Amino acid sequence: MTHTKLKQWIINGQSAIIIAVLAQITIPLGFVPLTGQTLGVGIIATLLSPLNSTIAVSIYLLLGGIGLPVFAGFNSGLGVLVGPTGGYLVGFIFNTLITSYLIQKRGQYTVTWTTIANIIGAIVTLIFGTLWLKVAANLNWQGALANGFIPFILPGILKAWLASFIGVTVYKALTRAHISLN
């Protein structure tokens, strides 16, 4: 393995740990808690390429799936991945892929553009999560939307802006220092 590949795997692993740490910021809200893991996903998607941000989220999901307590509330295991909140976790993969792609395709590391990309990614996560919640919790559409989508719109926009602000600030500092994360 080359030095560059090893460096990238370390960065991807560290990114997964950032998500795990932020996941522990949790506010219970019925079926689905409000967590900091979506903030972590947004920061990672803002900073890393589509491939590397997706790998970082996949590492995070793998760590939680095999039993390390990295999910919200120090939870872990396959039961979490297939439980009522599992769709949000799976949605993180597509969130990072889309968010990072939109940012890199446009090539603009401004808070405005990265916020738009992060909001789109957050909506993707909410769609996956709400659909999964409907099935896993045996809810009707009204119940799924009321418990899994609507309460997370405003916090999602706020976290998208915060992820963008942090991501752009870090990206610019790294660029000035001639450091690349990809």
Protein backbone atom coordinates (compact mmCIF):
# COMPACT_ATOMS: atom_id res chain seq x y z
CA MET A 1 0.00 0.00 0.00
CA THR A 2 1.41 3.36 -0.93
CA HIS A 3 1.90 6.19 1.52
CA THR A 4 -0.89 8.19 -0.18
CA LYS A 5 -3.41 5.34 0.08
CA LEU A 6 -2.55 4.73 3.73
CA LYS A 7 -2.94 8.46 4.46
CA GLN A 8 -6.37 8.44 2.79
CA TRP A 9 -7.54 5.40 4.77
CA ILE A 10 -6.42 7.10 7.99
CA ILE A 11 -8.30 10.28 7.05
CA ASN A 12 -11.41 8.25 6.19
CA GLY A 13 -11.17 6.37 9.50
CA GLN A 14 -10.73 9.60 11.44
CA SER A 15 -13.75 11.01 9.64
CA ALA A 16 -15.82 8.01 10.76
CA ILE A 17 -14.71 8.72 14.34
CA ILE A 18 -15.82 12.36 14.01
CA ILE A 19 -19.30 11.13 13.07
CA ALA A 20 -19.26 8.68 16.01
CA VAL A 21 -18.31 11.39 18.50
CA LEU A 22 -20.95 13.83 17.21
CA ALA A 23 -23.55 11.02 17.25
CA GLN A 24 -23.41 11.12 21.04
CA ILE A 25 -25.01 14.57 21.05
CA THR A 26 -28.58 13.31 21.27
CA ILE A 27 -31.96 14.84 22.05
CA PRO A 28 -34.75 12.23 22.31
CA LEU A 29 -37.81 12.99 20.15
CA GLY A 30 -40.03 9.89 20.12
CA PHE A 31 -39.13 7.32 17.46
CA VAL A 32 -36.17 9.26 16.07
CA PRO A 33 -33.75 11.30 18.20
CA LEU A 34 -32.20 14.57 17.07
CA THR A 35 -28.47 13.83 16.87
CA GLY A 36 -25.16 15.39 15.96
CA GLN A 37 -24.28 12.57 13.59
CA THR A 38 -25.95 14.37 10.69
CA LEU A 39 -23.72 17.36 11.45
CA GLY A 40 -20.71 15.04 11.24
CA VAL A 41 -21.94 13.58 7.96
CA GLY A 42 -22.34 17.09 6.53
CA ILE A 43 -18.86 18.18 7.62
CA ILE A 44 -17.30 15.04 6.12
CA ALA A 45 -19.26 15.44 2.87
CA THR A 46 -18.10 19.07 2.64
CA LEU A 47 -14.44 18.20 3.16
CA LEU A 48 -13.94 14.88 1.37
CA SER A 49 -14.48 13.64 -2.17
CA PRO A 50 -17.66 11.67 -2.95
CA LEU A 51 -15.71 8.40 -2.79
CA ASN A 52 -13.87 9.17 0.44
CA SER A 53 -16.88 10.64 2.26
CA THR A 54 -18.88 7.54 1.30
CA ILE A 55 -16.06 5.29 2.53
CA ALA A 56 -15.92 7.24 5.82
CA VAL A 57 -19.67 6.79 6.40
CA SER A 58 -19.42 3.11 5.43
CA ILE A 59 -16.63 2.64 8.00
CA TYR A 60 -18.85 4.32 10.59
CA LEU A 61 -21.77 2.00 9.74
CA LEU A 62 -19.49 -1.05 9.76
CA LEU A 63 -18.09 -0.14 13.18
CA GLY A 64 -21.60 0.24 14.58
CA GLY A 65 -22.87 -2.85 12.79
CA ILE A 66 -20.18 -5.10 14.31
CA GLY A 67 -20.97 -3.90 17.80
CA LEU A 68 -18.84 -0.85 18.59
CA PRO A 69 -21.05 1.72 20.38
CA VAL A 70 -20.73 4.49 17.79
CA PHE A 71 -24.37 5.11 16.95
CA ALA A 72 -26.47 7.70 18.80
CA GLY A 73 -26.71 7.04 22.52
CA PHE A 74 -23.71 4.68 22.36
CA ASN A 75 -25.86 2.09 20.59
CA SER A 76 -24.60 -0.48 18.13
CA GLY A 77 -25.41 -3.69 16.31
CA LEU A 78 -27.39 -4.90 13.36
CA GLY A 79 -30.60 -4.29 15.29
CA VAL A 80 -29.99 -0.54 15.05
CA LEU A 81 -29.30 -0.79 11.32
CA VAL A 82 -32.56 -2.64 10.65
CA GLY A 83 -34.57 -0.86 13.37
CA PRO A 84 -36.76 2.23 13.02
CA THR A 85 -33.79 4.61 12.62
CA GLY A 86 -31.81 2.37 10.25
CA GLY A 87 -33.01 4.21 7.16
CA TYR A 88 -31.37 7.41 8.34
CA LEU A 89 -28.09 5.56 8.80
CA VAL A 90 -28.29 4.03 5.32
CA GLY A 91 -29.34 7.44 3.99
CA PHE A 92 -26.02 8.87 5.21
CA ILE A 93 -24.25 6.95 2.44
CA PHE A 94 -26.32 8.63 -0.25
CA ASN A 95 -26.23 11.96 1.59
CA THR A 96 -22.43 12.11 1.50
CA LEU A 97 -22.25 10.88 -2.06
CA ILE A 98 -24.68 13.50 -3.35
CA THR A 99 -23.54 16.39 -1.13
CA SER A 100 -19.87 15.90 -1.88
CA TYR A 101 -20.55 15.41 -5.59
CA LEU A 102 -22.54 18.65 -5.79
CA ILE A 103 -19.84 20.60 -3.96
CA GLN A 104 -16.98 19.21 -6.00
CA LYS A 105 -18.78 19.42 -9.34
CA ARG A 106 -19.49 23.10 -8.82
CA GLY A 107 -16.03 23.68 -7.35
CA GLN A 108 -17.27 26.46 -5.10
CA TYR A 109 -16.31 26.23 -1.46
CA THR A 110 -18.60 28.99 -0.25
CA VAL A 111 -20.86 28.65 2.76
CA THR A 112 -23.88 29.45 0.57
CA TRP A 113 -23.23 26.75 -2.04
CA THR A 114 -22.13 24.10 0.46
CA THR A 115 -25.22 24.84 2.58
CA ILE A 116 -27.46 24.24 -0.44
CA ALA A 117 -25.63 20.98 -1.18
CA ASN A 118 -25.86 19.93 2.48
CA ILE A 119 -29.59 20.68 2.60
CA ILE A 120 -30.11 18.50 -0.48
CA GLY A 121 -28.10 15.74 1.19
CA ALA A 122 -30.06 16.13 4.43
CA ILE A 123 -33.32 15.77 2.50
CA VAL A 124 -32.00 12.53 1.01
CA THR A 125 -31.28 11.23 4.52
CA LEU A 126 -34.76 12.27 5.69
CA ILE A 127 -36.42 10.52 2.74
CA PHE A 128 -34.56 7.26 3.38
CA GLY A 129 -35.21 7.53 7.11
CA THR A 130 -38.90 8.34 6.79
CA LEU A 131 -39.57 5.53 4.33
CA TRP A 132 -37.72 3.06 6.54
CA LEU A 133 -39.44 4.36 9.68
CA LYS A 134 -42.84 3.89 8.06
CA VAL A 135 -42.11 0.24 7.38
CA ALA A 136 -40.09 -0.62 10.53
CA ALA A 137 -42.50 1.07 12.95
CA ASN A 138 -45.60 0.10 10.93
CA LEU A 139 -46.75 3.73 10.63
CA ASN A 140 -49.10 5.31 8.13
CA TRP A 141 -47.74 8.11 5.94
CA GLN A 142 -49.03 10.83 8.26
CA GLY A 143 -47.36 9.18 11.26
CA ALA A 144 -44.10 8.61 9.40
CA LEU A 145 -43.93 12.22 8.22
CA ALA A 146 -44.94 13.58 11.63
CA ASN A 147 -42.32 11.49 13.46
CA GLY A 148 -39.53 11.14 10.93
CA PHE A 149 -39.48 14.11 8.58
CA ILE A 150 -41.24 17.29 9.69
CA PRO A 151 -39.55 17.69 13.12
CA PHE A 152 -36.14 17.49 11.44
CA ILE A 153 -36.56 20.10 8.70
CA LEU A 154 -35.54 23.17 10.72
CA PRO A 155 -32.75 21.41 12.68
CA GLY A 156 -31.57 19.92 9.38
CA ILE A 157 -31.26 23.34 7.78
CA LEU A 158 -29.39 24.65 10.81
CA LYS A 159 -27.03 21.65 10.83
CA ALA A 160 -26.50 21.98 7.06
CA TRP A 161 -25.42 25.59 7.54
CA LEU A 162 -23.22 24.70 10.52
CA ALA A 163 -21.61 21.78 8.64
CA SER A 164 -20.99 24.12 5.72
CA PHE A 165 -19.52 26.85 7.88
CA ILE A 166 -17.21 24.42 9.68
CA GLY A 167 -16.35 22.54 6.48
CA VAL A 168 -15.55 25.65 4.45
CA THR A 169 -13.52 27.15 7.30
CA VAL A 170 -11.46 23.97 7.67
CA TYR A 171 -11.13 23.54 3.90
CA LYS A 172 -9.79 27.07 3.45
CA ALA A 173 -7.35 26.67 6.36
CA LEU A 174 -6.08 23.38 4.92
CA THR A 175 -5.77 24.92 1.46
CA ARG A 176 -3.70 27.80 2.86
CA ALA A 177 -1.47 25.22 4.55
CA HIS A 178 -1.20 23.22 1.30
CA ILE A 179 -2.85 20.16 2.89
CA SER A 180 -5.28 18.00 0.93
CA LEU A 181 -7.72 15.55 2.50
CA ASN A 182 -8.36 13.71 -0.77
